[in-house]
């Protein structure tokens, strides 16, 4: 799980930093690709690109899972947690689905908020 989350965050961080989501788009599940485009992804993450947010710093941190990864009713793995970054934390929810024996990202929600004391 950690490797899947880390890889997803790094791929997303690179896309945000470059303001180009074509590479990230190539990594997502076919089902999600049918529902979106690289341009749609760029719009979804515009607040991050507008802030020039550099999430590559998360590579040095281990994600902390707030719930045990679990299969939902559609056999997707749902993962929730955060990276203990400072001064802001990066909270994530990800869903992965199995495509031909490979787990692929089917959805991601990412929030970067000031750390609570």
Foldseek 3Di string as FASTA:
>chain_A
DQVVVLVLLQLVLVCLLVLWCPSVLVQADPVQVVVDDRVRVSVVCVVSSVVSPRSNVLNVFGWDWPDDFDQDPVRWTWTWTWTPDPQKIKTKIWTWDDDPNDTGTDDMDIDIGGDDD
